[in-house]
Amino acid sequence: MTNLSNTPTTSTLSKDGYMRIMPIADYLGIHHQTVRRYVKQGRMPAPKIVCGVQLFDMTEIKTWLETGQVNASTKKEGV
């Protein structure tokens, strides 16, 4: 059984820096497959790939949430 007491929640996650796909999905309140689909469709900023790990830039995510626009330079890098 998984210990959920140490699982980060949106209230404990940093608003700056980078997040992996599962915490970003929790932060947005959507399923991780929906995040993958949105990135593939160009509907949200793509993650950066660092040493094989996909990381979402929280600054880009916040800008996207505020404006609803995806910067062309952040489209389809990962996922």
N, C-alpha and C. Protein backbone atom coordinates (compact mmCIF):
# COMPACT_ATOMS: atom_id res chain seq x y z
N MET A 1 0.84 -1.17 0.00
CA MET A 1 0.00 0.00 0.00
C MET A 1 0.89 1.24 0.00
N THR A 2 0.51 2.24 -0.76
CA THR A 2 1.28 3.46 -0.88
C THR A 2 1.03 4.38 0.31
N ASN A 3 2.10 4.96 0.82
CA ASN A 3 1.99 5.93 1.90
C ASN A 3 1.71 7.30 1.28
N LEU A 4 0.50 7.78 1.41
CA LEU A 4 0.13 9.05 0.79
C LEU A 4 0.44 10.26 1.67
N SER A 5 0.89 10.04 2.87
CA SER A 5 1.14 11.17 3.77
C SER A 5 2.29 12.04 3.30
N ASN A 6 3.21 11.50 2.50
CA ASN A 6 4.34 12.28 2.00
C ASN A 6 4.14 12.76 0.58
N THR A 7 2.98 12.48 0.00
CA THR A 7 2.70 12.89 -1.36
C THR A 7 2.48 14.40 -1.40
N PRO A 8 3.21 15.12 -2.30
CA PRO A 8 3.01 16.58 -2.35
C PRO A 8 1.62 16.94 -2.83
N THR A 9 1.10 18.02 -2.30
CA THR A 9 -0.19 18.53 -2.74
C THR A 9 0.04 19.89 -3.38
N THR A 10 -0.99 20.43 -4.00
CA THR A 10 -0.84 21.72 -4.66
C THR A 10 -0.46 22.80 -3.66
N SER A 11 -0.87 22.68 -2.42
CA SER A 11 -0.54 23.70 -1.44
C SER A 11 0.92 23.61 -0.98
N THR A 12 1.58 22.44 -1.17
CA THR A 12 2.96 22.29 -0.74
C THR A 12 3.95 22.40 -1.88
N LEU A 13 3.48 22.45 -3.12
CA LEU A 13 4.39 22.50 -4.25
C LEU A 13 4.88 23.91 -4.50
N SER A 14 6.12 24.01 -4.94
CA SER A 14 6.69 25.31 -5.27
C SER A 14 6.00 25.89 -6.49
N LYS A 15 5.80 27.18 -6.48
CA LYS A 15 5.18 27.85 -7.62
C LYS A 15 6.22 28.26 -8.65
N ASP A 16 7.50 28.13 -8.32
CA ASP A 16 8.59 28.45 -9.23
C ASP A 16 9.44 27.20 -9.41
N GLY A 17 10.28 27.21 -10.43
CA GLY A 17 11.14 26.07 -10.67
C GLY A 17 10.51 25.10 -11.65
N TYR A 18 10.71 23.81 -11.41
CA TYR A 18 10.26 22.79 -12.34
C TYR A 18 9.46 21.71 -11.61
N MET A 19 8.55 21.07 -12.36
CA MET A 19 7.75 19.96 -11.82
C MET A 19 7.72 18.83 -12.83
N ARG A 20 7.61 17.61 -12.32
CA ARG A 20 7.42 16.45 -13.18
C ARG A 20 5.94 16.35 -13.54
N ILE A 21 5.60 15.38 -14.39
CA ILE A 21 4.25 15.31 -14.95
C ILE A 21 3.16 15.02 -13.92
N MET A 22 3.39 14.12 -12.98
CA MET A 22 2.34 13.79 -12.01
C MET A 22 2.02 14.98 -11.09
N PRO A 23 3.02 15.64 -10.52
CA PRO A 23 2.70 16.82 -9.70
C PRO A 23 2.06 17.95 -10.52
N ILE A 24 2.46 18.11 -11.78
CA ILE A 24 1.85 19.17 -12.59
C ILE A 24 0.39 18.83 -12.86
N ALA A 25 0.09 17.55 -13.08
CA ALA A 25 -1.30 17.13 -13.28
C ALA A 25 -2.12 17.40 -12.02
N ASP A 26 -1.55 17.07 -10.87
CA ASP A 26 -2.24 17.35 -9.60
C ASP A 26 -2.42 18.86 -9.41
N TYR A 27 -1.39 19.62 -9.73
CA TYR A 27 -1.44 21.08 -9.61
C TYR A 27 -2.57 21.66 -10.47
N LEU A 28 -2.73 21.10 -11.69
CA LEU A 28 -3.76 21.58 -12.61
C LEU A 28 -5.12 20.95 -12.35
N GLY A 29 -5.15 19.87 -11.56
CA GLY A 29 -6.41 19.19 -11.27
C GLY A 29 -6.91 18.34 -12.41
N ILE A 30 -5.97 17.82 -13.22
CA ILE A 30 -6.33 16.95 -14.35
C ILE A 30 -5.49 15.69 -14.32
N HIS A 31 -5.88 14.69 -15.09
CA HIS A 31 -5.17 13.43 -15.16
C HIS A 31 -3.86 13.61 -15.93
N HIS A 32 -2.84 12.83 -15.57
CA HIS A 32 -1.54 12.98 -16.24
C HIS A 32 -1.62 12.68 -17.74
N GLN A 33 -2.54 11.80 -18.14
CA GLN A 33 -2.69 11.53 -19.58
C GLN A 33 -3.29 12.75 -20.29
N THR A 34 -4.11 13.53 -19.60
CA THR A 34 -4.65 14.75 -20.17
C THR A 34 -3.53 15.75 -20.38
N VAL A 35 -2.60 15.84 -19.44
CA VAL A 35 -1.44 16.72 -19.61
C VAL A 35 -0.67 16.31 -20.86
N ARG A 36 -0.40 15.01 -21.00
CA ARG A 36 0.33 14.51 -22.17
C ARG A 36 -0.40 14.86 -23.47
N ARG A 37 -1.71 14.68 -23.46
CA ARG A 37 -2.52 14.98 -24.65
C ARG A 37 -2.48 16.47 -24.98
N TYR A 38 -2.62 17.33 -23.96
CA TYR A 38 -2.57 18.78 -24.18
C TYR A 38 -1.23 19.21 -24.77
N VAL A 39 -0.14 18.63 -24.26
CA VAL A 39 1.19 18.97 -24.79
C VAL A 39 1.30 18.51 -26.24
N LYS A 40 0.86 17.30 -26.51
CA LYS A 40 0.93 16.75 -27.87
C LYS A 40 0.13 17.60 -28.85
N GLN A 41 -1.00 18.12 -28.40
CA GLN A 41 -1.86 18.95 -29.24
C GLN A 41 -1.40 20.41 -29.30
N GLY A 42 -0.37 20.75 -28.52
CA GLY A 42 0.13 22.12 -28.49
C GLY A 42 -0.74 23.06 -27.67
N ARG A 43 -1.57 22.49 -26.80
CA ARG A 43 -2.49 23.30 -26.00
C ARG A 43 -1.88 23.79 -24.69
N MET A 44 -0.72 23.25 -24.31
CA MET A 44 -0.04 23.72 -23.11
C MET A 44 1.46 23.61 -23.33
N PRO A 45 2.27 24.34 -22.56
CA PRO A 45 3.72 24.30 -22.73
C PRO A 45 4.27 22.90 -22.54
N ALA A 46 5.22 22.55 -23.37
CA ALA A 46 5.86 21.24 -23.29
C ALA A 46 6.93 21.24 -22.21
N PRO A 47 7.19 20.07 -21.64
CA PRO A 47 8.25 20.00 -20.64
C PRO A 47 9.63 20.05 -21.29
N LYS A 48 10.61 20.44 -20.51
CA LYS A 48 12.00 20.35 -20.92
C LYS A 48 12.45 18.94 -20.58
N ILE A 49 13.38 18.41 -21.35
CA ILE A 49 13.92 17.09 -21.03
C ILE A 49 15.33 17.28 -20.51
N VAL A 50 15.52 16.91 -19.24
CA VAL A 50 16.80 17.05 -18.57
C VAL A 50 17.24 15.67 -18.09
N CYS A 51 18.30 15.16 -18.67
CA CYS A 51 18.82 13.82 -18.32
C CYS A 51 17.72 12.77 -18.43
N GLY A 52 16.88 12.89 -19.45
CA GLY A 52 15.82 11.92 -19.69
C GLY A 52 14.58 12.13 -18.84
N VAL A 53 14.55 13.17 -18.03
CA VAL A 53 13.41 13.45 -17.16
C VAL A 53 12.66 14.65 -17.72
N GLN A 54 11.35 14.51 -17.87
CA GLN A 54 10.52 15.61 -18.39
C GLN A 54 10.14 16.53 -17.25
N LEU A 55 10.52 17.81 -17.37
CA LEU A 55 10.26 18.80 -16.33
C LEU A 55 9.52 19.99 -16.90
N PHE A 56 8.40 20.35 -16.28
CA PHE A 56 7.62 21.51 -16.69
C PHE A 56 8.13 22.74 -15.95
N ASP A 57 8.37 23.82 -16.69
CA ASP A 57 8.80 25.09 -16.12
C ASP A 57 7.57 25.78 -15.54
N MET A 58 7.56 25.99 -14.22
CA MET A 58 6.39 26.58 -13.58
C MET A 58 6.12 28.01 -14.02
N THR A 59 7.16 28.74 -14.42
CA THR A 59 6.95 30.09 -14.93
C THR A 59 6.14 30.03 -16.23
N GLU A 60 6.48 29.08 -17.10
CA GLU A 60 5.74 28.91 -18.35
C GLU A 60 4.31 28.46 -18.07
N ILE A 61 4.14 27.57 -17.11
CA ILE A 61 2.80 27.08 -16.77
C ILE A 61 1.94 28.22 -16.23
N LYS A 62 2.51 29.03 -15.32
CA LYS A 62 1.75 30.16 -14.77
C LYS A 62 1.37 31.16 -15.87
N THR A 63 2.30 31.44 -16.77
CA THR A 63 2.01 32.36 -17.88
C THR A 63 0.91 31.79 -18.75
N TRP A 64 0.98 30.49 -19.04
CA TRP A 64 -0.04 29.82 -19.85
C TRP A 64 -1.40 29.89 -19.17
N LEU A 65 -1.44 29.68 -17.86
CA LEU A 65 -2.71 29.73 -17.14
C LEU A 65 -3.30 31.14 -17.15
N GLU A 66 -2.43 32.14 -17.06
CA GLU A 66 -2.90 33.53 -17.04
C GLU A 66 -3.37 34.01 -18.42
N THR A 67 -2.65 33.61 -19.47
CA THR A 67 -2.95 34.14 -20.81
C THR A 67 -3.72 33.17 -21.69
N GLY A 68 -3.58 31.87 -21.42
CA GLY A 68 -4.21 30.86 -22.28
C GLY A 68 -3.45 30.65 -23.57
N GLN A 69 -2.27 31.28 -23.70
CA GLN A 69 -1.47 31.18 -24.92
C GLN A 69 -0.22 30.36 -24.65
N VAL A 70 0.15 29.55 -25.65
CA VAL A 70 1.37 28.76 -25.56
C VAL A 70 2.42 29.44 -26.43
N ASN A 71 3.56 29.77 -25.83
CA ASN A 71 4.67 30.35 -26.56
C ASN A 71 5.18 29.32 -27.57
N ALA A 72 5.45 29.73 -28.78
CA ALA A 72 5.91 28.81 -29.83
C ALA A 72 7.17 28.06 -29.43
N SER A 73 8.03 28.67 -28.64
CA SER A 73 9.28 28.02 -28.24
C SER A 73 9.06 26.92 -27.20
N THR A 74 7.88 26.85 -26.60
CA THR A 74 7.62 25.84 -25.57
C THR A 74 6.77 24.68 -26.07
N LYS A 75 6.44 24.66 -27.35
CA LYS A 75 5.59 23.60 -27.88
C LYS A 75 6.38 22.33 -28.18
N LYS A 76 5.80 21.20 -27.86
CA LYS A 76 6.23 19.86 -28.25
C LYS A 76 7.71 19.56 -28.10
N GLU A 77 8.28 19.82 -26.93
CA GLU A 77 9.64 19.40 -26.68
C GLU A 77 9.68 18.00 -26.09
N GLY A 78 8.64 17.64 -25.35
CA GLY A 78 8.66 16.34 -24.67
C GLY A 78 7.33 15.66 -24.77
N VAL A 79 7.12 14.74 -23.85
CA VAL A 79 5.91 13.93 -23.73
C VAL A 79 5.70 13.14 -24.94
